[in-house]
C-alpha atoms as a PDB file:
ATOM      1  CA  MET A   1      -8.784   3.220 -27.080  1.00  0.00           C
ATOM      2  CA  PRO A   2     -12.043   3.527 -25.202  1.00  0.00           C
ATOM      3  CA  ALA A   3     -12.146   2.025 -21.808  1.00  0.00           C
ATOM      4  CA  THR A   4     -14.982  -0.407 -23.164  1.00  0.00           C
ATOM      5  CA  CYS A   5     -12.072  -1.994 -25.354  1.00  0.00           C
ATOM      6  CA  TYR A   6     -10.140  -2.734 -22.217  1.00  0.00           C
ATOM      7  CA  GLY A   7     -10.240  -6.188 -20.683  1.00  0.00           C
ATOM      8  CA  THR A   8     -11.207  -5.864 -17.082  1.00  0.00           C
ATOM      9  CA  HIS A   9     -11.702  -7.711 -13.787  1.00  0.00           C
ATOM     10  CA  THR A  10     -12.195  -6.864 -10.258  1.00  0.00           C
ATOM     11  CA  SER A  11     -12.018  -9.234  -7.334  1.00  0.00           C
ATOM     12  CA  GLU A  12     -11.304  -9.085  -3.730  1.00  0.00           C
ATOM     13  CA  ALA A  13      -7.743  -9.969  -2.544  1.00  0.00           C
ATOM     14  CA  LEU A  14      -5.359  -9.113   0.394  1.00  0.00           C
ATOM     15  CA  GLY A  15      -8.192  -7.636   2.585  1.00  0.00           C
ATOM     16  CA  THR A  16      -8.943  -5.161  -0.506  1.00  0.00           C
ATOM     17  CA  PHE A  17      -9.858  -5.089  -4.033  1.00  0.00           C
ATOM     18  CA  ALA A  18      -7.699  -5.785  -6.954  1.00  0.00           C
ATOM     19  CA  THR A  19      -8.819  -4.434 -10.260  1.00  0.00           C
ATOM     20  CA  LEU A  20      -6.874  -5.602 -13.692  1.00  0.00           C
ATOM     21  CA  LEU A  21      -6.984  -3.777 -16.569  1.00  0.00           C
ATOM     22  CA  VAL A  22      -5.318  -5.355 -19.892  1.00  0.00           C
ATOM     23  CA  LYS A  23      -5.039  -3.312 -23.281  1.00  0.00           C
ATOM     24  CA  ASP A  24      -6.099  -6.445 -25.207  1.00  0.00           C
ATOM     25  CA  PRO A  25      -8.836  -8.090 -23.943  1.00  0.00           C
ATOM     26  CA  THR A  26      -7.978 -11.629 -25.290  1.00  0.00           C
ATOM     27  CA  ALA A  27      -5.295 -11.359 -22.774  1.00  0.00           C
ATOM     28  CA  LEU A  28      -7.396 -10.906 -19.813  1.00  0.00           C
ATOM     29  CA  GLU A  29      -7.687 -14.626 -19.055  1.00  0.00           C
ATOM     30  CA  ASP A  30      -3.743 -15.413 -18.716  1.00  0.00           C
ATOM     31  CA  ALA A  31      -3.412 -11.777 -16.911  1.00  0.00           C
ATOM     32  CA  ARG A  32      -5.897 -13.204 -14.390  1.00  0.00           C
ATOM     33  CA  GLY A  33      -3.975 -16.185 -13.774  1.00  0.00           C
ATOM     34  CA  LEU A  34      -0.873 -14.539 -13.323  1.00  0.00           C
ATOM     35  CA  LEU A  35      -2.384 -12.052 -11.108  1.00  0.00           C
ATOM     36  CA  ASP A  36      -4.018 -14.643  -8.799  1.00  0.00           C
ATOM     37  CA  ALA A  37      -0.911 -16.524  -8.419  1.00  0.00           C
ATOM     38  CA  GLU A  38       0.927 -13.663  -7.568  1.00  0.00           C
ATOM     39  CA  LEU A  39      -1.584 -12.538  -4.956  1.00  0.00           C
ATOM     40  CA  ALA A  40      -1.655 -15.946  -3.301  1.00  0.00           C
ATOM     41  CA  ALA A  41       1.930 -16.254  -2.913  1.00  0.00           C
ATOM     42  CA  ILE A  42       2.294 -12.864  -1.441  1.00  0.00           C
ATOM     43  CA  ASP A  43      -0.575 -13.653   1.067  1.00  0.00           C
ATOM     44  CA  ALA A  44       1.240 -17.192   2.225  1.00  0.00           C
ATOM     45  CA  ALA A  45       4.392 -15.332   2.610  1.00  0.00           C
ATOM     46  CA  CYS A  46       3.474 -11.879   4.335  1.00  0.00           C
ATOM     47  CA  SER A  47       0.208 -12.182   5.761  1.00  0.00           C
ATOM     48  CA  ARG A  48      -0.067 -11.242   9.437  1.00  0.00           C
ATOM     49  CA  PHE A  49      -3.253 -12.802   9.834  1.00  0.00           C
ATOM     50  CA  ARG A  50      -2.571 -16.272   9.039  1.00  0.00           C
ATOM     51  CA  PRO A  51      -1.056 -18.359  11.519  1.00  0.00           C
ATOM     52  CA  GLU A  52       0.912 -20.467   8.710  1.00  0.00           C
ATOM     53  CA  SER A  53       2.488 -17.668   6.990  1.00  0.00           C
ATOM     54  CA  GLU A  54       6.069 -17.125   6.588  1.00  0.00           C
ATOM     55  CA  LEU A  55       5.773 -13.848   8.547  1.00  0.00           C
ATOM     56  CA  ARG A  56       4.163 -15.359  11.621  1.00  0.00           C
ATOM     57  CA  ARG A  57       6.693 -18.190  11.534  1.00  0.00           C
ATOM     58  CA  ALA A  58       9.480 -15.846  11.654  1.00  0.00           C
ATOM     59  CA  CYS A  59       7.821 -13.868  14.427  1.00  0.00           C
ATOM     60  CA  ALA A  60       7.024 -16.702  16.540  1.00  0.00           C
ATOM     61  CA  ALA A  61      10.567 -18.330  16.274  1.00  0.00           C
ATOM     62  CA  GLY A  62      12.169 -16.499  19.477  1.00  0.00           C
ATOM     63  CA  GLY A  63      14.742 -14.663  17.910  1.00  0.00           C
ATOM     64  CA  ARG A  64      15.911 -17.741  16.031  1.00  0.00           C
ATOM     65  CA  PRO A  65      17.158 -17.603  12.426  1.00  0.00           C
ATOM     66  CA  VAL A  66      14.120 -19.040  10.356  1.00  0.00           C
ATOM     67  CA  ALA A  67      14.609 -20.180   6.551  1.00  0.00           C
ATOM     68  CA  VAL A  68      12.322 -18.269   4.302  1.00  0.00           C
ATOM     69  CA  SER A  69      11.325 -18.257   0.807  1.00  0.00           C
ATOM     70  CA  PRO A  70      13.085 -15.781  -1.930  1.00  0.00           C
ATOM     71  CA  LEU A  71       9.578 -13.901  -2.124  1.00  0.00           C
ATOM     72  CA  PHE A  72       9.602 -13.300   1.479  1.00  0.00           C
ATOM     73  CA  ALA A  73      13.113 -12.285   1.617  1.00  0.00           C
ATOM     74  CA  GLU A  74      12.289  -9.720  -1.068  1.00  0.00           C
ATOM     75  CA  ALA A  75       9.321  -8.379   0.735  1.00  0.00           C
ATOM     76  CA  LEU A  76      11.045  -8.033   3.825  1.00  0.00           C
ATOM     77  CA  SER A  77      13.937  -6.357   2.274  1.00  0.00           C
ATOM     78  CA  VAL A  78      11.449  -3.802   0.408  1.00  0.00           C
ATOM     79  CA  ALA A  79      10.146  -2.990   4.042  1.00  0.00           C
ATOM     80  CA  LEU A  80      13.696  -2.679   5.656  1.00  0.00           C
ATOM     81  CA  THR A  81      14.758  -0.285   2.735  1.00  0.00           C
ATOM     82  CA  ALA A  82      11.513   1.587   3.043  1.00  0.00           C
ATOM     83  CA  ALA A  83      12.414   2.186   6.815  1.00  0.00           C
ATOM     84  CA  ARG A  84      15.934   3.068   6.102  1.00  0.00           C
ATOM     85  CA  LEU A  85      14.914   6.034   3.474  1.00  0.00           C
ATOM     86  CA  THR A  86      12.128   7.338   5.771  1.00  0.00           C
ATOM     87  CA  ASP A  87      14.311   7.374   8.997  1.00  0.00           C
ATOM     88  CA  GLY A  88      11.923   4.962  10.340  1.00  0.00           C
ATOM     89  CA  ASP A  89       8.850   6.732   9.316  1.00  0.00           C
ATOM     90  CA  VAL A  90       7.625   3.499   7.564  1.00  0.00           C
ATOM     91  CA  ASP A  91       8.574   0.860   9.970  1.00  0.00           C
ATOM     92  CA  PRO A  92       7.568  -3.056   9.465  1.00  0.00           C
ATOM     93  CA  THR A  93       8.080  -3.391  13.226  1.00  0.00           C
ATOM     94  CA  CYS A  94       4.601  -1.943  14.491  1.00  0.00           C
ATOM     95  CA  GLY A  95       2.772  -5.145  13.979  1.00  0.00           C
ATOM     96  CA  GLN A  96       2.074  -5.246  17.756  1.00  0.00           C
ATOM     97  CA  ALA A  97       1.071  -1.579  17.838  1.00  0.00           C
ATOM     98  CA  LEU A  98      -1.744  -2.297  15.250  1.00  0.00           C
ATOM     99  CA  ALA A  99      -2.746  -5.390  17.351  1.00  0.00           C
ATOM    100  CA  ASN A 100      -2.872  -3.630  20.245  1.00  0.00           C
ATOM    101  CA  LEU A 101      -5.000  -0.974  18.511  1.00  0.00           C
ATOM    102  CA  GLY A 102      -7.435  -3.782  18.055  1.00  0.00           C
ATOM    103  CA  TYR A 103      -6.439  -4.584  14.310  1.00  0.00           C
ATOM    104  CA  ASP A 104      -5.338  -7.930  15.393  1.00  0.00           C
ATOM    105  CA  LEU A 105      -7.543  -9.980  12.653  1.00  0.00           C
ATOM    106  CA  ASP A 106      -8.210  -8.877   9.221  1.00  0.00           C
ATOM    107  CA  PHE A 107      -9.871  -5.726   9.211  1.00  0.00           C
ATOM    108  CA  GLY A 108     -13.393  -6.872   8.252  1.00  0.00           C
ATOM    109  CA  SER A 109     -13.391  -8.947  11.685  1.00  0.00           C
ATOM    110  CA  ALA A 110     -11.476  -6.217  13.841  1.00  0.00           C
ATOM    111  CA  ARG A 111     -13.389  -3.044  13.196  1.00  0.00           C
ATOM    112  CA  ARG A 112     -16.796  -5.010  14.499  1.00  0.00           C
ATOM    113  CA  ASP A 113     -15.113  -4.877  17.738  1.00  0.00           C
ATOM    114  CA  THR A 114     -15.911  -1.472  19.217  1.00  0.00           C
ATOM    115  CA  GLY A 115     -14.969  -2.133  23.236  1.00  0.00           C
ATOM    116  CA  VAL A 116     -12.299  -0.338  25.196  1.00  0.00           C
ATOM    117  CA  LEU A 117      -8.764  -1.110  24.463  1.00  0.00           C
ATOM    118  CA  THR A 118      -6.845  -3.169  27.132  1.00  0.00           C
ATOM    119  CA  HIS A 119      -3.441  -2.955  25.949  1.00  0.00           C
ATOM    120  CA  PRO A 120      -0.898   0.032  26.084  1.00  0.00           C
ATOM    121  CA  PRO A 121       0.385   1.570  22.703  1.00  0.00           C
ATOM    122  CA  VAL A 122       3.763  -0.175  21.615  1.00  0.00           C
ATOM    123  CA  PRO A 123       6.204   2.020  19.798  1.00  0.00           C
ATOM    124  CA  GLY A 124       8.263   0.710  16.844  1.00  0.00           C
ATOM    125  CA  GLY A 125      11.847   1.502  15.840  1.00  0.00           C
ATOM    126  CA  ARG A 126      12.994  -2.197  16.110  1.00  0.00           C
ATOM    127  CA  TRP A 127      13.462  -2.704  12.472  1.00  0.00           C
ATOM    128  CA  ARG A 128      17.220  -2.380  12.819  1.00  0.00           C
ATOM    129  CA  GLU A 129      17.413  -5.408  14.874  1.00  0.00           C
ATOM    130  CA  ILE A 130      16.066  -7.594  12.100  1.00  0.00           C
ATOM    131  CA  GLU A 131      18.544  -9.542  10.363  1.00  0.00           C
ATOM    132  CA  LEU A 132      17.976 -10.859   6.805  1.00  0.00           C
ATOM    133  CA  ASP A 133      20.654 -12.866   5.098  1.00  0.00           C
ATOM    134  CA  ALA A 134      19.316 -13.286   1.569  1.00  0.00           C
ATOM    135  CA  GLY A 135      21.898 -15.356   0.072  1.00  0.00           C
ATOM    136  CA  ARG A 136      21.277 -17.940   3.106  1.00  0.00           C
ATOM    137  CA  GLY A 137      17.735 -17.725   2.820  1.00  0.00           C
ATOM    138  CA  GLU A 138      17.109 -16.634   6.481  1.00  0.00           C
ATOM    139  CA  VAL A 139      15.715 -14.065   8.507  1.00  0.00           C
ATOM    140  CA  THR A 140      15.918 -13.319  12.241  1.00  0.00           C
ATOM    141  CA  VAL A 141      13.051 -11.367  13.979  1.00  0.00           C
ATOM    142  CA  PRO A 142      14.028 -10.339  17.447  1.00  0.00           C
ATOM    143  CA  ASP A 143      11.971 -11.914  20.337  1.00  0.00           C
ATOM    144  CA  GLY A 144       8.713  -9.998  20.821  1.00  0.00           C
ATOM    145  CA  VAL A 145       8.745  -8.046  17.653  1.00  0.00           C
ATOM    146  CA  LEU A 146       5.755  -8.603  15.301  1.00  0.00           C
ATOM    147  CA  VAL A 147       6.315  -7.532  11.762  1.00  0.00           C
ATOM    148  CA  ASP A 148       3.710  -5.911   9.556  1.00  0.00           C
ATOM    149  CA  LEU A 149       4.229  -5.683   5.810  1.00  0.00           C
ATOM    150  CA  GLY A 150       0.701  -4.927   4.788  1.00  0.00           C
ATOM    151  CA  ALA A 151       1.705  -1.681   2.677  1.00  0.00           C
ATOM    152  CA  THR A 152       4.959  -2.361   1.174  1.00  0.00           C
ATOM    153  CA  ALA A 153       3.882  -6.041   0.220  1.00  0.00           C
ATOM    154  CA  LYS A 154       0.793  -5.190  -1.277  1.00  0.00           C
ATOM    155  CA  ALA A 155       2.813  -2.583  -3.379  1.00  0.00           C
ATOM    156  CA  LEU A 156       5.259  -4.944  -4.261  1.00  0.00           C
ATOM    157  CA  ALA A 157       2.626  -7.397  -5.382  1.00  0.00           C
ATOM    158  CA  ALA A 158       1.286  -4.766  -7.570  1.00  0.00           C
ATOM    159  CA  ASP A 159       4.566  -4.253  -9.240  1.00  0.00           C
ATOM    160  CA  ARG A 160       5.574  -7.936  -9.570  1.00  0.00           C
ATOM    161  CA  ALA A 161       2.003  -8.599 -11.045  1.00  0.00           C
ATOM    162  CA  ALA A 162       2.235  -5.758 -13.718  1.00  0.00           C
ATOM    163  CA  ALA A 163       5.662  -6.681 -14.731  1.00  0.00           C
ATOM    164  CA  LYS A 164       5.049 -10.383 -15.086  1.00  0.00           C
ATOM    165  CA  ILE A 165       1.629  -9.823 -17.122  1.00  0.00           C
ATOM    166  CA  ALA A 166       3.076  -7.514 -19.398  1.00  0.00           C
ATOM    167  CA  ALA A 167       5.946  -9.846 -19.857  1.00  0.00           C
ATOM    168  CA  SER A 168       3.887 -12.970 -20.743  1.00  0.00           C
ATOM    169  CA  THR A 169       1.129 -11.247 -22.675  1.00  0.00           C
ATOM    170  CA  GLY A 170       3.013  -8.746 -24.551  1.00  0.00           C
ATOM    171  CA  CYS A 171       0.359  -6.212 -23.585  1.00  0.00           C
ATOM    172  CA  GLY A 172      -0.179  -3.072 -21.511  1.00  0.00           C
ATOM    173  CA  VAL A 173      -1.526  -3.655 -18.336  1.00  0.00           C
ATOM    174  CA  LEU A 174      -2.684  -1.788 -14.805  1.00  0.00           C
ATOM    175  CA  VAL A 175      -2.837  -3.573 -11.771  1.00  0.00           C
ATOM    176  CA  ASN A 176      -4.526  -1.535  -8.584  1.00  0.00           C
ATOM    177  CA  LEU A 177      -4.681  -3.297  -5.466  1.00  0.00           C
ATOM    178  CA  GLY A 178      -6.838  -0.935  -3.151  1.00  0.00           C
ATOM    179  CA  GLY A 179      -5.291   2.204  -4.138  1.00  0.00           C
ATOM    180  CA  ASP A 180      -1.807   0.811  -4.964  1.00  0.00           C
ATOM    181  CA  ILE A 181      -1.160   0.891  -8.782  1.00  0.00           C
ATOM    182  CA  SER A 182       1.323  -0.286 -11.156  1.00  0.00           C
ATOM    183  CA  VAL A 183       1.490  -0.241 -14.946  1.00  0.00           C
ATOM    184  CA  ALA A 184       3.936  -2.126 -17.177  1.00  0.00           C
ATOM    185  CA  GLY A 185       4.044  -2.582 -20.817  1.00  0.00           C
ATOM    186  CA  GLY A 186       2.743  -0.281 -23.921  1.00  0.00           C
ATOM    187  CA  PRO A 187      -0.108   2.061 -22.188  1.00  0.00           C
ATOM    188  CA  PRO A 188      -3.261   3.079 -24.482  1.00  0.00           C
ATOM    189  CA  ALA A 189      -2.621   5.696 -26.603  1.00  0.00           C
ATOM    190  CA  GLU A 190      -4.281   8.318 -24.275  1.00  0.00           C
ATOM    191  CA  GLY A 191      -2.495   6.580 -20.994  1.00  0.00           C
ATOM    192  CA  TRP A 192      -4.319   5.125 -18.259  1.00  0.00           C
ATOM    193  CA  LEU A 193      -7.150   7.349 -16.738  1.00  0.00           C
ATOM    194  CA  VAL A 194      -6.975   7.150 -13.016  1.00  0.00           C
ATOM    195  CA  GLY A 195      -9.265   8.577 -10.523  1.00  0.00           C
ATOM    196  CA  VAL A 196      -7.623   9.819  -7.212  1.00  0.00           C
ATOM    197  CA  ALA A 197     -10.639   9.727  -4.160  1.00  0.00           C
ATOM    198  CA  ASP A 198     -10.279  12.253  -1.562  1.00  0.00           C
ATOM    199  CA  ASP A 199     -12.700  10.755   0.917  1.00  0.00           C
ATOM    200  CA  ALA A 200     -12.973   6.878   0.172  1.00  0.00           C
ATOM    201  CA  ASN A 201     -13.402   4.561   3.214  1.00  0.00           C
ATOM    202  CA  PHE A 202     -13.251   0.600   3.840  1.00  0.00           C
ATOM    203  CA  ASP A 203     -16.633   0.146   2.547  1.00  0.00           C
ATOM    204  CA  THR A 204     -16.260   2.254  -0.648  1.00  0.00           C
ATOM    205  CA  THR A 205     -16.193   0.593  -3.990  1.00  0.00           C
ATOM    206  CA  THR A 206     -14.538   1.831  -7.380  1.00  0.00           C
ATOM    207  CA  ALA A 207     -18.220   2.219  -8.319  1.00  0.00           C
ATOM    208  CA  SER A 208     -19.620   4.450  -5.554  1.00  0.00           C
ATOM    209  CA  VAL A 209     -16.569   6.445  -4.967  1.00  0.00           C
ATOM    210  CA  ALA A 210     -16.353  10.028  -6.291  1.00  0.00           C
ATOM    211  CA  ALA A 211     -12.864  10.981  -7.806  1.00  0.00           C
ATOM    212  CA  GLY A 212     -11.165  14.365  -6.672  1.00  0.00           C
ATOM    213  CA  GLN A 213      -9.458  14.372  -9.585  1.00  0.00           C
ATOM    214  CA  VAL A 214      -8.647  12.135 -12.758  1.00  0.00           C
ATOM    215  CA  VAL A 215      -5.184  11.716 -13.865  1.00  0.00           C
ATOM    216  CA  THR A 216      -3.134   9.943 -16.716  1.00  0.00           C
ATOM    217  CA  ILE A 217      -0.326   7.624 -15.923  1.00  0.00           C
ATOM    218  CA  ARG A 218       1.725   5.789 -18.745  1.00  0.00           C
ATOM    219  CA  ASP A 219       4.534   4.163 -16.521  1.00  0.00           C
ATOM    220  CA  GLY A 220       5.722   3.556 -12.961  1.00  0.00           C
ATOM    221  CA  GLY A 221       3.161   3.433  -9.864  1.00  0.00           C
ATOM    222  CA  LEU A 222       0.614   5.572  -8.232  1.00  0.00           C
ATOM    223  CA  ALA A 223      -0.044   5.048  -4.605  1.00  0.00           C
ATOM    224  CA  THR A 224      -2.606   6.735  -2.156  1.00  0.00           C
ATOM    225  CA  SER A 225      -2.229   6.500   1.657  1.00  0.00           C
ATOM    226  CA  SER A 226      -5.373   7.650   3.824  1.00  0.00           C
ATOM    227  CA  VAL A 227      -6.313   7.689   7.536  1.00  0.00           C
ATOM    228  CA  LEU A 228      -9.867   6.999   6.189  1.00  0.00           C
ATOM    229  CA  GLY A 229      -9.473   3.943   4.500  1.00  0.00           C
ATOM    230  CA  ARG A 230      -8.903   1.748   7.565  1.00  0.00           C
ATOM    231  CA  ALA A 231     -10.484   3.130  10.316  1.00  0.00           C
ATOM    232  CA  TRP A 232     -12.004   1.943  13.446  1.00  0.00           C
ATOM    233  CA  GLN A 233     -13.588   2.789  16.583  1.00  0.00           C
ATOM    234  CA  ARG A 234     -12.663   1.208  20.013  1.00  0.00           C
ATOM    235  CA  GLY A 235     -13.982   2.833  23.169  1.00  0.00           C
ATOM    236  CA  GLY A 236     -15.394   5.729  21.496  1.00  0.00           C
ATOM    237  CA  VAL A 237     -11.976   6.702  20.040  1.00  0.00           C
ATOM    238  CA  TRP A 238     -11.698   6.440  16.373  1.00  0.00           C
ATOM    239  CA  LEU A 239      -8.056   5.129  15.289  1.00  0.00           C
ATOM    240  CA  HIS A 240      -6.540   4.387  11.650  1.00  0.00           C
ATOM    241  CA  HIS A 241      -3.511   1.785  10.538  1.00  0.00           C
ATOM    242  CA  ILE A 242      -0.958   4.124   9.792  1.00  0.00           C
ATOM    243  CA  ILE A 243       1.044   4.353  12.667  1.00  0.00           C
ATOM    244  CA  ASP A 244       3.659   6.847  13.990  1.00  0.00           C
ATOM    245  CA  PRO A 245       6.329   4.369  15.056  1.00  0.00           C
ATOM    246  CA  ARG A 246       7.726   7.060  17.687  1.00  0.00           C
ATOM    247  CA  THR A 247       4.363   6.586  19.713  1.00  0.00           C
ATOM    248  CA  GLY A 248       2.735   3.432  18.849  1.00  0.00           C
ATOM    249  CA  GLU A 249      -0.412   5.237  18.039  1.00  0.00           C
ATOM    250  CA  PRO A 250      -2.099   6.335  14.769  1.00  0.00           C
ATOM    251  CA  ALA A 251      -0.397   9.237  13.161  1.00  0.00           C
ATOM    252  CA  ARG A 252      -2.022  12.659  13.879  1.00  0.00           C
ATOM    253  CA  SER A 253      -1.813  13.895  10.762  1.00  0.00           C
ATOM    254  CA  CYS A 254      -2.732  17.259   8.789  1.00  0.00           C
ATOM    255  CA  TRP A 255      -3.410  15.063   5.895  1.00  0.00           C
ATOM    256  CA  ARG A 256      -6.505  13.015   5.180  1.00  0.00           C
ATOM    257  CA  THR A 257      -5.070  11.214   1.950  1.00  0.00           C
ATOM    258  CA  ALA A 258      -1.698  11.565   0.223  1.00  0.00           C
ATOM    259  CA  THR A 259      -1.138  10.383  -3.303  1.00  0.00           C
ATOM    260  CA  VAL A 260       2.210  10.111  -4.886  1.00  0.00           C
ATOM    261  CA  ALA A 261       3.367   9.307  -8.336  1.00  0.00           C
ATOM    262  CA  ALA A 262       6.855   7.436  -8.483  1.00  0.00           C
ATOM    263  CA  ALA A 263       8.924   4.866 -10.771  1.00  0.00           C
ATOM    264  CA  THR A 264       7.583   2.033  -8.962  1.00  0.00           C
ATOM    265  CA  CYS A 265       4.234   1.449  -7.018  1.00  0.00           C
ATOM    266  CA  VAL A 266       6.594   0.323  -3.969  1.00  0.00           C
ATOM    267  CA  ASP A 267       8.403   3.987  -4.228  1.00  0.00           C
ATOM    268  CA  ALA A 268       4.986   5.710  -4.311  1.00  0.00           C
ATOM    269  CA  ASN A 269       3.516   3.534  -1.328  1.00  0.00           C
ATOM    270  CA  VAL A 270       6.622   4.403   0.615  1.00  0.00           C
ATOM    271  CA  ALA A 271       6.342   8.042   0.006  1.00  0.00           C
ATOM    272  CA  SER A 272       2.633   8.436   0.459  1.00  0.00           C
ATOM    273  CA  THR A 273       2.743   6.340   3.783  1.00  0.00           C
ATOM    274  CA  ALA A 274       5.504   8.706   5.188  1.00  0.00           C
ATOM    275  CA  ALA A 275       3.700  11.719   3.875  1.00  0.00           C
ATOM    276  CA  ILE A 276       1.107  10.790   6.275  1.00  0.00           C
ATOM    277  CA  VAL A 277       3.379  10.469   9.499  1.00  0.00           C
ATOM    278  CA  ARG A 278       5.616  13.488   8.569  1.00  0.00           C
ATOM    279  CA  GLY A 279       2.444  15.858   8.525  1.00  0.00           C
ATOM    280  CA  GLU A 280       3.478  19.623   7.505  1.00  0.00           C
ATOM    281  CA  GLN A 281       7.063  18.273   6.553  1.00  0.00           C
ATOM    282  CA  THR A 282       5.757  16.434   4.024  1.00  0.00           C
ATOM    283  CA  VAL A 283       5.536  19.073   1.115  1.00  0.00           C
ATOM    284  CA  GLY A 284       9.378  20.229   1.526  1.00  0.00           C
ATOM    285  CA  TRP A 285      10.392  16.419   1.816  1.00  0.00           C
ATOM    286  CA  LEU A 286       8.458  15.253  -1.600  1.00  0.00           C
ATOM    287  CA  ARG A 287       9.632  18.599  -3.095  1.00  0.00           C
ATOM    288  CA  GLY A 288      13.271  17.510  -2.741  1.00  0.00           C
ATOM    289  CA  LEU A 289      12.670  14.254  -3.852  1.00  0.00           C
ATOM    290  CA  ARG A 290      10.943  15.637  -6.833  1.00  0.00           C
ATOM    291  CA  LEU A 291       8.031  13.237  -6.538  1.00  0.00           C
ATOM    292  CA  PRO A 292       4.606  14.744  -7.734  1.00  0.00           C
ATOM    293  CA  ALA A 293       2.159  14.340  -5.144  1.00  0.00           C
ATOM    294  CA  ARG A 294      -1.361  15.491  -4.297  1.00  0.00           C
ATOM    295  CA  LEU A 295      -1.900  16.193  -0.509  1.00  0.00           C
ATOM    296  CA  VAL A 296      -5.493  16.696   1.106  1.00  0.00           C
ATOM    297  CA  ARG A 297      -5.981  18.258   4.199  1.00  0.00           C
ATOM    298  CA  ARG A 298      -8.755  17.152   6.886  1.00  0.00           C
ATOM    299  CA  ASP A 299     -10.824  20.226   5.617  1.00  0.00           C
ATOM    300  CA  GLY A 300     -10.451  18.865   1.985  1.00  0.00           C
ATOM    301  CA  SER A 301      -8.163  21.760   0.719  1.00  0.00           C
ATOM    302  CA  VAL A 302      -5.647  20.392  -1.553  1.00  0.00           C
ATOM    303  CA  VAL A 303      -1.931  20.727  -1.824  1.00  0.00           C
ATOM    304  CA  ARG A 304      -0.033  19.579  -5.204  1.00  0.00           C
ATOM    305  CA  VAL A 305       3.438  19.184  -5.031  1.00  0.00           C
ATOM    306  CA  ALA A 306       6.498  18.624  -7.571  1.00  0.00           C
ATOM    307  CA  GLY A 307       4.482  19.180 -10.692  1.00  0.00           C
ATOM    308  CA  TRP A 308       1.299  17.310  -9.924  1.00  0.00           C
ATOM    309  CA  PRO A 309      -1.348  18.397 -12.443  1.00  0.00           C
ATOM    310  CA  GLY A 310      -3.948  21.132 -11.399  1.00  0.00           C
ATOM    311  CA  VAL A 311      -7.789  20.762 -12.325  1.00  0.00           C
ATOM    312  CA  ALA A 312      -8.573  21.961 -15.623  1.00  0.00           C
ATOM    313  CA  PRO A 313     -11.548  24.886 -15.248  1.00  0.00           C
ATOM    314  CA  ARG A 314     -14.971  23.612 -16.161  1.00  0.00           C
ATOM    315  CA  GLY A 315     -15.537  24.363 -19.620  1.00  0.00           C
ATOM    316  CA  SER A 316     -12.020  24.438 -20.884  1.00  0.00           C
ATOM    317  CA  GLY A 317     -12.451  21.235 -22.794  1.00  0.00           C
ATOM    318  CA  ALA A 318      -9.083  20.024 -21.270  1.00  0.00           C
END
C-alpha cells in the first residue's frame, strides 16, 4: 500500500512530536482521539514539569505514601523494572541531576538559559528506595528524590496508544513519539517503513531530517536514544539529557545515537538509553540479549548488532 493511502497526523505532545499512521484512512479520526487521550493522561500523571502531576505530588510528600492512579503506578513500575534490568543504568531517580544541569523546565524553555550552573551534580542510584504498592495504589518516594520518567513513560504511552487504537479500530497502526515507535495490528503488505536519523537535534522535524537508513518493521517497537536530540549549553559547556547515574552528569558516551528494535517500545527504549550510558560495553550486552541495534559513533561510523540489516548497495534495486 503506498504511503499516500495511509491516514496520517502529526502534532506536538510531551515536549516532542507525535506522529500517527493508520492503515485505514477512515479510522484516523477515532485513532487521533484515542492517542490524544492517552498522551493527556500520561502527561497529567508523569510530567516532571507540571506542579499538579501525580509525579510531582509523590515527590513533594516528604517520604510519606501517596495514593496514585493505576496509570502512574504502571509507569513507575516500568521505570523501576528498567532500572533493575540495566543494573541502574536507566535510573528514574535522576530528576534532580537533570534539574541541576539546567533542565528544570520544559526543554524549549530550559535551553534558552545559557548561564553558568550554580548547583553541583547529583548522582542517582536511589531507585531501590522507592516503594510501590500497586495493589493498594500507593507510592512512597524518599524525601529529597526527584523522579524523572521522561523516557520510559513516553515509550509506554506509545505502546499503550498503539494497542488501544488497533483494538478499537481493527486496523494496523504506528505511533511515533519523538523517535519512540510502537506498532500494533496488521501492518501494510510491505511493512511500516521507518527512517532512522543519525544526527537529528531538537529542532529537526520529520520533514527536514535526513534518514541514515530506512528499515521495515511489522510488529513490536523501535526506539532511538541520542545525545544530540536534547542538548543545551550552560556556561560554555554542552550538556545532554541522558544521565550517567553514577556521576549525575551527562553520559560520556562513544555513541551519538543508539537505535534498538524489541518486542515493545518500552523494551527498545530501555535498551537504547542504556546503550548510550554503557558505551563500548553496549555491543556485547545487546548481542547477548539478541536485540538488533544500530549504533552510531561520534564520527558517524555505524556498528550493527544482532542482525540489524545492512544498507543495500546503490543500484542493487533492494
